[in-house]
Amino acid sequence: METRFEAAFLQALQKHASIKKLVRKKVDMIIENPIAVGEPLKGNWQGFYSCPVKRNFIIIYLYCEVCRKKGDDVIVACSDCRTTTDKTIKFILLKPHDDAYGNRDKARPGT
């Protein structure tokens, strides 16, 4: 499994260093089984998955294989979609739940 971390995710990890170990544990769980751990999102976040970290913190990520199978790649429109393998997970955001869902356009993967 290939993993990619967007700049917004890495910046948030530095900002919220107190939950770094919990995030690492969730990231490892997602890599092991991305569909079972996460919850598919709808609306502006169609094609993405979310996974709770702690209280109200969530990780938002993409699993390229499922994104393509569902046809969500047209909606998500990653700039690197054609060069990314199906077995790629892209970690997009790490934020408090309420803050995360307002940032869809600012967090486009591969931009």
PDB file of N, CA and C in Angstrom:
ATOM      1  N   MET A   1       0.840  -1.174   0.000  1.00  0.00           N
ATOM      2  CA  MET A   1       0.000   0.000   0.000  1.00  0.00           C
ATOM      3  C   MET A   1       0.891   1.245   0.000  1.00  0.00           C
ATOM      4  N   GLU A   2       0.642   2.142  -0.919  1.00  0.00           N
ATOM      5  CA  GLU A   2       1.367   3.405  -0.966  1.00  0.00           C
ATOM      6  C   GLU A   2       0.582   4.443  -0.162  1.00  0.00           C
ATOM      7  N   THR A   3       1.294   5.273   0.581  1.00  0.00           N
ATOM      8  CA  THR A   3       0.625   6.325   1.341  1.00  0.00           C
ATOM      9  C   THR A   3       1.196   7.677   0.952  1.00  0.00           C
ATOM     10  N   ARG A   4       0.302   8.647   0.900  1.00  0.00           N
ATOM     11  CA  ARG A   4       0.701  10.020   0.628  1.00  0.00           C
ATOM     12  C   ARG A   4       0.048  10.919   1.667  1.00  0.00           C
ATOM     13  N   PHE A   5       0.790  11.895   2.101  1.00  0.00           N
ATOM     14  CA  PHE A   5       0.301  12.824   3.106  1.00  0.00           C
ATOM     15  C   PHE A   5       0.300  14.232   2.515  1.00  0.00           C
ATOM     16  N   GLU A   6      -0.875  14.835   2.445  1.00  0.00           N
ATOM     17  CA  GLU A   6      -0.995  16.194   1.933  1.00  0.00           C
ATOM     18  C   GLU A   6      -0.377  17.171   2.935  1.00  0.00           C
ATOM     19  N   ALA A   7       0.045  18.313   2.457  1.00  0.00           N
ATOM     20  CA  ALA A   7       0.678  19.330   3.298  1.00  0.00           C
ATOM     21  C   ALA A   7      -0.235  19.751   4.453  1.00  0.00           C
ATOM     22  N   ALA A   8      -1.524  19.887   4.191  1.00  0.00           N
ATOM     23  CA  ALA A   8      -2.469  20.291   5.236  1.00  0.00           C
ATOM     24  C   ALA A   8      -2.504  19.272   6.375  1.00  0.00           C
ATOM     25  N   PHE A   9      -2.411  17.992   6.039  1.00  0.00           N
ATOM     26  CA  PHE A   9      -2.405  16.934   7.053  1.00  0.00           C
ATOM     27  C   PHE A   9      -1.141  17.038   7.905  1.00  0.00           C
ATOM     28  N   LEU A  10      -0.002  17.185   7.258  1.00  0.00           N
ATOM     29  CA  LEU A  10       1.273  17.248   7.979  1.00  0.00           C
ATOM     30  C   LEU A  10       1.362  18.498   8.856  1.00  0.00           C
ATOM     31  N   GLN A  11       0.851  19.620   8.359  1.00  0.00           N
ATOM     32  CA  GLN A  11       0.843  20.849   9.156  1.00  0.00           C
ATOM     33  C   GLN A  11      -0.029  20.684  10.398  1.00  0.00           C
ATOM     34  N   ALA A  12      -1.187  20.060  10.222  1.00  0.00           N
ATOM     35  CA  ALA A  12      -2.088  19.838  11.353  1.00  0.00           C
ATOM     36  C   ALA A  12      -1.460  18.897  12.367  1.00  0.00           C
ATOM     37  N   LEU A  13      -0.717  17.917  11.897  1.00  0.00           N
ATOM     38  CA  LEU A  13      -0.053  16.984  12.803  1.00  0.00           C
ATOM     39  C   LEU A  13       0.982  17.708  13.663  1.00  0.00           C
ATOM     40  N   GLN A  14       1.695  18.646  13.076  1.00  0.00           N
ATOM     41  CA  GLN A  14       2.647  19.442  13.854  1.00  0.00           C
ATOM     42  C   GLN A  14       1.919  20.336  14.852  1.00  0.00           C
ATOM     43  N   LYS A  15       0.822  20.931  14.408  1.00  0.00           N
ATOM     44  CA  LYS A  15       0.062  21.840  15.258  1.00  0.00           C
ATOM     45  C   LYS A  15      -0.546  21.116  16.460  1.00  0.00           C
ATOM     46  N   HIS A  16      -0.998  19.887  16.234  1.00  0.00           N
ATOM     47  CA  HIS A  16      -1.665  19.099  17.272  1.00  0.00           C
ATOM     48  C   HIS A  16      -0.771  17.938  17.709  1.00  0.00           C
ATOM     49  N   ALA A  17       0.456  18.242  18.036  1.00  0.00           N
ATOM     50  CA  ALA A  17       1.450  17.225  18.388  1.00  0.00           C
ATOM     51  C   ALA A  17       1.032  16.364  19.572  1.00  0.00           C
ATOM     52  N   SER A  18       0.144  16.875  20.421  1.00  0.00           N
ATOM     53  CA  SER A  18      -0.275  16.118  21.600  1.00  0.00           C
ATOM     54  C   SER A  18      -1.051  14.843  21.247  1.00  0.00           C
ATOM     55  N   ILE A  19      -1.605  14.781  20.044  1.00  0.00           N
ATOM     56  CA  ILE A  19      -2.346  13.576  19.639  1.00  0.00           C
ATOM     57  C   ILE A  19      -1.597  12.775  18.568  1.00  0.00           C
ATOM     58  N   LYS A  20      -0.324  13.063  18.404  1.00  0.00           N
ATOM     59  CA  LYS A  20       0.479  12.429  17.357  1.00  0.00           C
ATOM     60  C   LYS A  20       0.471  10.897  17.437  1.00  0.00           C
ATOM     61  N   LYS A  21       0.609  10.354  18.646  1.00  0.00           N
ATOM     62  CA  LYS A  21       0.615   8.894  18.801  1.00  0.00           C
ATOM     63  C   LYS A  21      -0.730   8.285  18.417  1.00  0.00           C
ATOM     64  N   LEU A  22      -1.815   8.938  18.801  1.00  0.00           N
ATOM     65  CA  LEU A  22      -3.143   8.454  18.430  1.00  0.00           C
ATOM     66  C   LEU A  22      -3.353   8.515  16.920  1.00  0.00           C
ATOM     67  N   VAL A  23      -2.867   9.583  16.306  1.00  0.00           N
ATOM     68  CA  VAL A  23      -2.984   9.725  14.854  1.00  0.00           C
ATOM     69  C   VAL A  23      -2.201   8.620  14.163  1.00  0.00           C
ATOM     70  N   ARG A  24      -0.998   8.366  14.633  1.00  0.00           N
ATOM     71  CA  ARG A  24      -0.156   7.312  14.046  1.00  0.00           C
ATOM     72  C   ARG A  24      -0.862   5.952  14.110  1.00  0.00           C
ATOM     73  N   LYS A  25      -1.485   5.677  15.252  1.00  0.00           N
ATOM     74  CA  LYS A  25      -2.211   4.416  15.430  1.00  0.00           C
ATOM     75  C   LYS A  25      -3.372   4.322  14.439  1.00  0.00           C
ATOM     76  N   LYS A  26      -4.120   5.409  14.281  1.00  0.00           N
ATOM     77  CA  LYS A  26      -5.250   5.414  13.330  1.00  0.00           C
ATOM     78  C   LYS A  26      -4.760   5.300  11.896  1.00  0.00           C
ATOM     79  N   VAL A  27      -3.676   5.987  11.565  1.00  0.00           N
ATOM     80  CA  VAL A  27      -3.106   5.902  10.217  1.00  0.00           C
ATOM     81  C   VAL A  27      -2.716   4.455   9.911  1.00  0.00           C
ATOM     82  N   ASP A  28      -2.077   3.796  10.863  1.00  0.00           N
ATOM     83  CA  ASP A  28      -1.694   2.392  10.670  1.00  0.00           C
ATOM     84  C   ASP A  28      -2.920   1.502  10.467  1.00  0.00           C
ATOM     85  N   MET A  29      -3.976   1.769  11.222  1.00  0.00           N
ATOM     86  CA  MET A  29      -5.219   0.990  11.070  1.00  0.00           C
ATOM     87  C   MET A  29      -5.844   1.227   9.703  1.00  0.00           C
ATOM     88  N   ILE A  30      -5.825   2.466   9.241  1.00  0.00           N
ATOM     89  CA  ILE A  30      -6.380   2.801   7.924  1.00  0.00           C
ATOM     90  C   ILE A  30      -5.582   2.107   6.832  1.00  0.00           C
ATOM     91  N   ILE A  31      -4.268   2.131   6.946  1.00  0.00           N
ATOM     92  CA  ILE A  31      -3.417   1.480   5.939  1.00  0.00           C
ATOM     93  C   ILE A  31      -3.705  -0.016   5.894  1.00  0.00           C
ATOM     94  N   GLU A  32      -3.937  -0.614   7.040  1.00  0.00           N
ATOM     95  CA  GLU A  32      -4.212  -2.047   7.102  1.00  0.00           C
ATOM     96  C   GLU A  32      -5.551  -2.405   6.461  1.00  0.00           C
ATOM     97  N   ASN A  33      -6.564  -1.591   6.671  1.00  0.00           N
ATOM     98  CA  ASN A  33      -7.881  -1.886   6.112  1.00  0.00           C
ATOM     99  C   ASN A  33      -8.679  -0.585   5.943  1.00  0.00           C
ATOM    100  N   PRO A  34      -8.427   0.149   4.853  1.00  0.00           N
ATOM    101  CA  PRO A  34      -9.005   1.485   4.697  1.00  0.00           C
ATOM    102  C   PRO A  34     -10.533   1.539   4.628  1.00  0.00           C
ATOM    103  N   ILE A  35     -11.149   0.496   4.155  1.00  0.00           N
ATOM    104  CA  ILE A  35     -12.608   0.515   4.011  1.00  0.00           C
ATOM    105  C   ILE A  35     -13.288   0.213   5.341  1.00  0.00           C
ATOM    106  N   ALA A  36     -12.738  -0.709   6.119  1.00  0.00           N
ATOM    107  CA  ALA A  36     -13.361  -1.116   7.381  1.00  0.00           C
ATOM    108  C   ALA A  36     -13.221  -0.049   8.467  1.00  0.00           C
ATOM    109  N   VAL A  37     -12.147   0.693   8.440  1.00  0.00           N
ATOM    110  CA  VAL A  37     -11.872   1.661   9.503  1.00  0.00           C
ATOM    111  C   VAL A  37     -12.622   2.973   9.281  1.00  0.00           C
ATOM    112  N   GLY A  38     -12.702   3.403   8.047  1.00  0.00           N
ATOM    113  CA  GLY A  38     -13.301   4.698   7.753  1.00  0.00           C
ATOM    114  C   GLY A  38     -14.765   4.632   7.387  1.00  0.00           C
ATOM    115  N   GLU A  39     -15.360   5.806   7.378  1.00  0.00           N
ATOM    116  CA  GLU A  39     -16.767   5.950   7.007  1.00  0.00           C
ATOM    117  C   GLU A  39     -16.835   6.783   5.728  1.00  0.00           C
ATOM    118  N   PRO A  40     -17.511   6.277   4.689  1.00  0.00           N
ATOM    119  CA  PRO A  40     -17.608   7.066   3.456  1.00  0.00           C
ATOM    120  C   PRO A  40     -18.393   8.350   3.683  1.00  0.00           C
ATOM    121  N   LEU A  41     -17.918   9.410   3.063  1.00  0.00           N
ATOM    122  CA  LEU A  41     -18.560  10.704   3.221  1.00  0.00           C
ATOM    123  C   LEU A  41     -19.461  11.018   2.033  1.00  0.00           C
ATOM    124  N   LYS A  42     -20.323  12.010   2.211  1.00  0.00           N
ATOM    125  CA  LYS A  42     -21.291  12.389   1.191  1.00  0.00           C
ATOM    126  C   LYS A  42     -21.187  13.892   0.927  1.00  0.00           C
ATOM    127  N   GLY A  43     -22.011  14.346   0.022  1.00  0.00           N
ATOM    128  CA  GLY A  43     -22.081  15.775  -0.265  1.00  0.00           C
ATOM    129  C   GLY A  43     -20.794  16.306  -0.844  1.00  0.00           C
ATOM    130  N   ASN A  44     -20.311  17.424  -0.305  1.00  0.00           N
ATOM    131  CA  ASN A  44     -19.080  18.047  -0.799  1.00  0.00           C
ATOM    132  C   ASN A  44     -17.853  17.159  -0.628  1.00  0.00           C
ATOM    133  N   TRP A  45     -17.957  16.181   0.246  1.00  0.00           N
ATOM    134  CA  TRP A  45     -16.829  15.283   0.520  1.00  0.00           C
ATOM    135  C   TRP A  45     -17.022  13.900  -0.121  1.00  0.00           C
ATOM    136  N   GLN A  46     -17.895  13.783  -1.089  1.00  0.00           N
ATOM    137  CA  GLN A  46     -18.119  12.499  -1.755  1.00  0.00           C
ATOM    138  C   GLN A  46     -16.797  11.962  -2.301  1.00  0.00           C
ATOM    139  N   GLY A  47     -16.552  10.670  -2.055  1.00  0.00           N
ATOM    140  CA  GLY A  47     -15.325  10.029  -2.495  1.00  0.00           C
ATOM    141  C   GLY A  47     -14.286   9.902  -1.392  1.00  0.00           C
ATOM    142  N   PHE A  48     -14.450  10.670  -0.337  1.00  0.00           N
ATOM    143  CA  PHE A  48     -13.519  10.667   0.786  1.00  0.00           C
ATOM    144  C   PHE A  48     -14.059   9.788   1.909  1.00  0.00           C
ATOM    145  N   TYR A  49     -13.174   9.459   2.845  1.00  0.00           N
ATOM    146  CA  TYR A  49     -13.540   8.723   4.054  1.00  0.00           C
ATOM    147  C   TYR A  49     -13.109   9.545   5.253  1.00  0.00           C
ATOM    148  N   SER A  50     -13.793   9.321   6.382  1.00  0.00           N
ATOM    149  CA  SER A  50     -13.357   9.940   7.631  1.00  0.00           C
ATOM    150  C   SER A  50     -13.157   8.859   8.681  1.00  0.00           C
ATOM    151  N   CYS A  51     -12.273   9.154   9.616  1.00  0.00           N
ATOM    152  CA  CYS A  51     -11.986   8.245  10.715  1.00  0.00           C
ATOM    153  C   CYS A  51     -11.758   9.086  11.968  1.00  0.00           C
ATOM    154  N   PRO A  52     -12.493   8.821  13.040  1.00  0.00           N
ATOM    155  CA  PRO A  52     -12.281   9.595  14.261  1.00  0.00           C
ATOM    156  C   PRO A  52     -10.947   9.255  14.905  1.00  0.00           C
ATOM    157  N   VAL A  53     -10.320  10.269  15.495  1.00  0.00           N
ATOM    158  CA  VAL A  53      -9.052  10.070  16.187  1.00  0.00           C
ATOM    159  C   VAL A  53      -9.277  10.155  17.692  1.00  0.00           C
ATOM    160  N   LYS A  54      -9.790  11.279  18.130  1.00  0.00           N
ATOM    161  CA  LYS A  54     -10.002  11.521  19.554  1.00  0.00           C
ATOM    162  C   LYS A  54     -11.119  12.546  19.683  1.00  0.00           C
ATOM    163  N   ARG A  55     -12.049  12.255  20.523  1.00  0.00           N
ATOM    164  CA  ARG A  55     -13.191  13.146  20.727  1.00  0.00           C
ATOM    165  C   ARG A  55     -13.710  13.655  19.401  1.00  0.00           C
ATOM    166  N   ASN A  56     -13.426  14.923  19.107  1.00  0.00           N
ATOM    167  CA  ASN A  56     -13.977  15.462  17.878  1.00  0.00           C
ATOM    168  C   ASN A  56     -12.965  15.583  16.741  1.00  0.00           C
ATOM    169  N   PHE A  57     -11.759  15.056  16.883  1.00  0.00           N
ATOM    170  CA  PHE A  57     -10.768  15.101  15.808  1.00  0.00           C
ATOM    171  C   PHE A  57     -11.010  13.975  14.808  1.00  0.00           C
ATOM    172  N   ILE A  58     -10.862  14.304  13.530  1.00  0.00           N
ATOM    173  CA  ILE A  58     -11.020  13.283  12.493  1.00  0.00           C
ATOM    174  C   ILE A  58      -9.878  13.370  11.487  1.00  0.00           C
ATOM    175  N   ILE A  59      -9.675  12.238  10.832  1.00  0.00           N
ATOM    176  CA  ILE A  59      -8.775  12.152   9.682  1.00  0.00           C
ATOM    177  C   ILE A  59      -9.667  12.008   8.457  1.00  0.00           C
ATOM    178  N   ILE A  60      -9.389  12.787   7.432  1.00  0.00           N
ATOM    179  CA  ILE A  60     -10.084  12.629   6.157  1.00  0.00           C
ATOM    180  C   ILE A  60      -9.062  12.111   5.158  1.00  0.00           C
ATOM    181  N   TYR A  61      -9.449  11.050   4.443  1.00  0.00           N
ATOM    182  CA  TYR A  61      -8.517  10.418   3.510  1.00  0.00           C
ATOM    183  C   TYR A  61      -9.247   9.890   2.283  1.00  0.00           C
ATOM    184  N   LEU A  62      -8.468   9.555   1.275  1.00  0.00           N
ATOM    185  CA  LEU A  62      -8.952   8.934   0.041  1.00  0.00           C
ATOM    186  C   LEU A  62      -8.306   7.573  -0.114  1.00  0.00           C
ATOM    187  N   TYR A  63      -9.064   6.644  -0.628  1.00  0.00           N
ATOM    188  CA  TYR A  63      -8.514   5.342  -1.020  1.00  0.00           C
ATOM    189  C   TYR A  63      -8.779   5.241  -2.514  1.00  0.00           C
ATOM    190  N   CYS A  64      -7.736   5.366  -3.297  1.00  0.00           N
ATOM    191  CA  CYS A  64      -7.857   5.524  -4.751  1.00  0.00           C
ATOM    192  C   CYS A  64      -8.639   4.395  -5.429  1.00  0.00           C
ATOM    193  N   GLU A  65      -8.440   3.166  -5.003  1.00  0.00           N
ATOM    194  CA  GLU A  65      -9.130   2.042  -5.627  1.00  0.00           C
ATOM    195  C   GLU A  65     -10.647   2.189  -5.530  1.00  0.00           C
ATOM    196  N   VAL A  66     -11.143   2.493  -4.352  1.00  0.00           N
ATOM    197  CA  VAL A  66     -12.589   2.636  -4.145  1.00  0.00           C
ATOM    198  C   VAL A  66     -13.097   3.890  -4.851  1.00  0.00           C
ATOM    199  N   CYS A  67     -12.332   4.953  -4.787  1.00  0.00           N
ATOM    200  CA  CYS A  67     -12.718   6.201  -5.445  1.00  0.00           C
ATOM    201  C   CYS A  67     -12.977   5.954  -6.932  1.00  0.00           C
ATOM    202  N   ARG A  68     -12.096   5.214  -7.574  1.00  0.00           N
ATOM    203  CA  ARG A  68     -12.246   4.928  -9.003  1.00  0.00           C
ATOM    204  C   ARG A  68     -13.389   3.957  -9.280  1.00  0.00           C
ATOM    205  N   LYS A  69     -13.505   2.926  -8.454  1.00  0.00           N
ATOM    206  CA  LYS A  69     -14.575   1.947  -8.668  1.00  0.00           C
ATOM    207  C   LYS A  69     -15.957   2.571  -8.563  1.00  0.00           C
ATOM    208  N   LYS A  70     -16.102   3.521  -7.649  1.00  0.00           N
ATOM    209  CA  LYS A  70     -17.397   4.186  -7.470  1.00  0.00           C
ATOM    210  C   LYS A  70     -17.623   5.303  -8.481  1.00  0.00           C
ATOM    211  N   GLY A  71     -16.586   5.650  -9.231  1.00  0.00           N
ATOM    212  CA  GLY A  71     -16.693   6.748 -10.185  1.00  0.00           C
ATOM    213  C   GLY A  71     -16.536   8.115  -9.534  1.00  0.00           C
ATOM    214  N   ASP A  72     -16.108   8.122  -8.283  1.00  0.00           N
ATOM    215  CA  ASP A  72     -15.936   9.388  -7.574  1.00  0.00           C
ATOM    216  C   ASP A  72     -14.705  10.160  -8.031  1.00  0.00           C
ATOM    217  N   ASP A  73     -13.806   9.516  -8.777  1.00  0.00           N
ATOM    218  CA  ASP A  73     -12.608  10.191  -9.251  1.00  0.00           C
ATOM    219  C   ASP A  73     -12.950  11.397 -10.130  1.00  0.00           C
ATOM    220  N   VAL A  74     -14.094  11.357 -10.783  1.00  0.00           N
ATOM    221  CA  VAL A  74     -14.531  12.485 -11.612  1.00  0.00           C
ATOM    222  C   VAL A  74     -14.887  13.678 -10.727  1.00  0.00           C
ATOM    223  N   ILE A  75     -15.466  13.392  -9.567  1.00  0.00           N
ATOM    224  CA  ILE A  75     -15.873  14.450  -8.631  1.00  0.00           C
ATOM    225  C   ILE A  75     -14.681  14.962  -7.825  1.00  0.00           C
ATOM    226  N   VAL A  76     -13.875  14.042  -7.323  1.00  0.00           N
ATOM    227  CA  VAL A  76     -12.725  14.410  -6.491  1.00  0.00           C
ATOM    228  C   VAL A  76     -11.685  15.156  -7.335  1.00  0.00           C
ATOM    229  N   ALA A  77     -11.429  14.662  -8.523  1.00  0.00           N
ATOM    230  CA  ALA A  77     -10.546  15.306  -9.507  1.00  0.00           C
ATOM    231  C   ALA A  77      -9.138  15.593  -8.989  1.00  0.00           C
ATOM    232  N   CYS A  78      -8.472  14.576  -8.465  1.00  0.00           N
ATOM    233  CA  CYS A  78      -7.076  14.727  -8.045  1.00  0.00           C
ATOM    234  C   CYS A  78      -6.224  15.063  -9.268  1.00  0.00           C
ATOM    235  N   SER A  79      -5.328  15.983  -9.103  1.00  0.00           N
ATOM    236  CA  SER A  79      -4.469  16.360 -10.232  1.00  0.00           C
ATOM    237  C   SER A  79      -3.503  15.235 -10.614  1.00  0.00           C
ATOM    238  N   ASP A  80      -3.233  14.320  -9.680  1.00  0.00           N
ATOM    239  CA  ASP A  80      -2.301  13.225  -9.946  1.00  0.00           C
ATOM    240  C   ASP A  80      -3.012  11.873 -10.108  1.00  0.00           C
ATOM    241  N   CYS A  81      -4.298  11.893 -10.369  1.00  0.00           N
ATOM    242  CA  CYS A  81      -5.084  10.656 -10.431  1.00  0.00           C
ATOM    243  C   CYS A  81      -4.532   9.666 -11.462  1.00  0.00           C
ATOM    244  N   ARG A  82      -4.174  10.126 -12.616  1.00  0.00           N
ATOM    245  CA  ARG A  82      -3.695   9.220 -13.680  1.00  0.00           C
ATOM    246  C   ARG A  82      -2.358   8.565 -13.355  1.00  0.00           C
ATOM    247  N   THR A  83      -1.589   9.155 -12.478  1.00  0.00           N
ATOM    248  CA  THR A  83      -0.273   8.601 -12.154  1.00  0.00           C
ATOM    249  C   THR A  83      -0.242   7.894 -10.799  1.00  0.00           C
ATOM    250  N   THR A  84      -1.382   7.848 -10.129  1.00  0.00           N
ATOM    251  CA  THR A  84      -1.463   7.220  -8.811  1.00  0.00           C
ATOM    252  C   THR A  84      -2.044   5.815  -8.948  1.00  0.00           C
ATOM    253  N   THR A  85      -1.444   4.853  -8.262  1.00  0.00           N
ATOM    254  CA  THR A  85      -1.934   3.481  -8.334  1.00  0.00           C
ATOM    255  C   THR A  85      -3.204   3.315  -7.508  1.00  0.00           C
ATOM    256  N   ASP A  86      -3.957   2.263  -7.800  1.00  0.00           N
ATOM    257  CA  ASP A  86      -5.181   1.964  -7.047  1.00  0.00           C
ATOM    258  C   ASP A  86      -4.898   1.739  -5.570  1.00  0.00           C
ATOM    259  N   LYS A  87      -3.773   1.173  -5.242  1.00  0.00           N
ATOM    260  CA  LYS A  87      -3.426   0.837  -3.864  1.00  0.00           C
ATOM    261  C   LYS A  87      -2.765   2.012  -3.143  1.00  0.00           C
ATOM    262  N   THR A  88      -3.295   3.209  -3.357  1.00  0.00           N
ATOM    263  CA  THR A  88      -2.775   4.407  -2.719  1.00  0.00           C
ATOM    264  C   THR A  88      -3.819   4.974  -1.764  1.00  0.00           C
ATOM    265  N   ILE A  89      -3.358   5.373  -0.593  1.00  0.00           N
ATOM    266  CA  ILE A  89      -4.194   6.082   0.370  1.00  0.00           C
ATOM    267  C   ILE A  89      -3.597   7.470   0.523  1.00  0.00           C
ATOM    268  N   LYS A  90      -4.450   8.475   0.376  1.00  0.00           N
ATOM    269  CA  LYS A  90      -4.012   9.861   0.531  1.00  0.00           C
ATOM    270  C   LYS A  90      -4.644  10.429   1.801  1.00  0.00           C
ATOM    271  N   PHE A  91      -3.799  10.834   2.717  1.00  0.00           N
ATOM    272  CA  PHE A  91      -4.268  11.443   3.957  1.00  0.00           C
ATOM    273  C   PHE A  91      -4.369  12.948   3.709  1.00  0.00           C
ATOM    274  N   ILE A  92      -5.594  13.455   3.761  1.00  0.00           N
ATOM    275  CA  ILE A  92      -5.888  14.814   3.333  1.00  0.00           C
ATOM    276  C   ILE A  92      -5.887  15.816   4.481  1.00  0.00           C
ATOM    277  N   LEU A  93      -6.683  15.552   5.510  1.00  0.00           N
ATOM    278  CA  LEU A  93      -6.843  16.496   6.613  1.00  0.00           C
ATOM    279  C   LEU A  93      -6.841  15.806   7.969  1.00  0.00           C
ATOM    280  N   LEU A  94      -6.414  16.532   8.959  1.00  0.00           N
ATOM    281  CA  LEU A  94      -6.535  16.156  10.371  1.00  0.00           C
ATOM    282  C   LEU A  94      -7.037  17.407  11.058  1.00  0.00           C
ATOM    283  N   LYS A  95      -8.276  17.382  11.512  1.00  0.00           N
ATOM    284  CA  LYS A  95      -8.876  18.586  12.091  1.00  0.00           C
ATOM    285  C   LYS A  95      -9.981  18.222  13.060  1.00  0.00           C
ATOM    286  N   PRO A  96     -10.366  19.207  13.871  1.00  0.00           N
ATOM    287  CA  PRO A  96     -11.591  19.013  14.639  1.00  0.00           C
ATOM    288  C   PRO A  96     -12.757  18.806  13.669  1.00  0.00           C
ATOM    289  N   HIS A  97     -13.671  17.967  14.037  1.00  0.00           N
ATOM    290  CA  HIS A  97     -14.787  17.576  13.181  1.00  0.00           C
ATOM    291  C   HIS A  97     -15.476  18.771  12.524  1.00  0.00           C
ATOM    292  N   ASP A  98     -15.877  19.745  13.310  1.00  0.00           N
ATOM    293  CA  ASP A  98     -16.633  20.877  12.785  1.00  0.00           C
ATOM    294  C   ASP A  98     -15.819  21.737  11.826  1.00  0.00           C
ATOM    295  N   ASP A  99     -14.522  21.827  12.035  1.00  0.00           N
ATOM    296  CA  ASP A  99     -13.664  22.621  11.147  1.00  0.00           C
ATOM    297  C   ASP A  99     -13.375  21.908   9.831  1.00  0.00           C
ATOM    298  N   ALA A 100     -13.275  20.603   9.872  1.00  0.00           N
ATOM    299  CA  ALA A 100     -12.842  19.829   8.703  1.00  0.00           C
ATOM    300  C   ALA A 100     -13.802  19.928   7.526  1.00  0.00           C
ATOM    301  N   TYR A 101     -15.074  19.880   7.785  1.00  0.00           N
ATOM    302  CA  TYR A 101     -16.023  19.792   6.680  1.00  0.00           C
ATOM    303  C   TYR A 101     -16.242  21.101   5.952  1.00  0.00           C
ATOM    304  N   GLY A 102     -15.707  22.183   6.430  1.00  0.00           N
ATOM    305  CA  GLY A 102     -15.831  23.443   5.722  1.00  0.00           C
ATOM    306  C   GLY A 102     -14.675  23.725   4.785  1.00  0.00           C
ATOM    307  N   ASN A 103     -13.707  22.811   4.698  1.00  0.00           N
ATOM    308  CA  ASN A 103     -12.474  23.070   3.952  1.00  0.00           C
ATOM    309  C   ASN A 103     -12.299  22.224   2.702  1.00  0.00           C
ATOM    310  N   ARG A 104     -13.326  21.721   2.109  1.00  0.00           N
ATOM    311  CA  ARG A 104     -13.212  20.807   0.966  1.00  0.00           C
ATOM    312  C   ARG A 104     -12.409  21.415  -0.179  1.00  0.00           C
ATOM    313  N   ASP A 105     -12.716  22.639  -0.571  1.00  0.00           N
ATOM    314  CA  ASP A 105     -12.033  23.223  -1.724  1.00  0.00           C
ATOM    315  C   ASP A 105     -10.592  23.599  -1.417  1.00  0.00           C
ATOM    316  N   LYS A 106     -10.270  23.872  -0.176  1.00  0.00           N
ATOM    317  CA  LYS A 106      -8.924  24.246   0.207  1.00  0.00           C
ATOM    318  C   LYS A 106      -8.017  23.032   0.332  1.00  0.00           C
ATOM    319  N   ALA A 107      -8.589  21.840   0.354  1.00  0.00           N
ATOM    320  CA  ALA A 107      -7.790  20.638   0.638  1.00  0.00           C
ATOM    321  C   ALA A 107      -7.801  19.664  -0.520  1.00  0.00           C
ATOM    322  N   ARG A 108      -7.954  20.141  -1.717  1.00  0.00           N
ATOM    323  CA  ARG A 108      -7.963  19.236  -2.866  1.00  0.00           C
ATOM    324  C   ARG A 108      -6.652  18.462  -2.917  1.00  0.00           C
ATOM    325  N   PRO A 109      -6.736  17.154  -2.988  1.00  0.00           N
ATOM    326  CA  PRO A 109      -5.520  16.337  -3.031  1.00  0.00           C
ATOM    327  C   PRO A 109      -4.755  16.557  -4.322  1.00  0.00           C
ATOM    328  N   GLY A 110      -3.451  16.509  -4.190  1.00  0.00           N
ATOM    329  CA  GLY A 110      -2.610  16.577  -5.372  1.00  0.00           C
ATOM    330  C   GLY A 110      -2.485  17.971  -5.944  1.00  0.00           C
ATOM    331  N   THR A 111      -2.940  18.984  -5.229  1.00  0.00           N
ATOM    332  CA  THR A 111      -2.844  20.338  -5.765  1.00  0.00           C
ATOM    333  C   THR A 111      -1.700  21.093  -5.150  1.00  0.00           C
TER     334      THR A 111
END
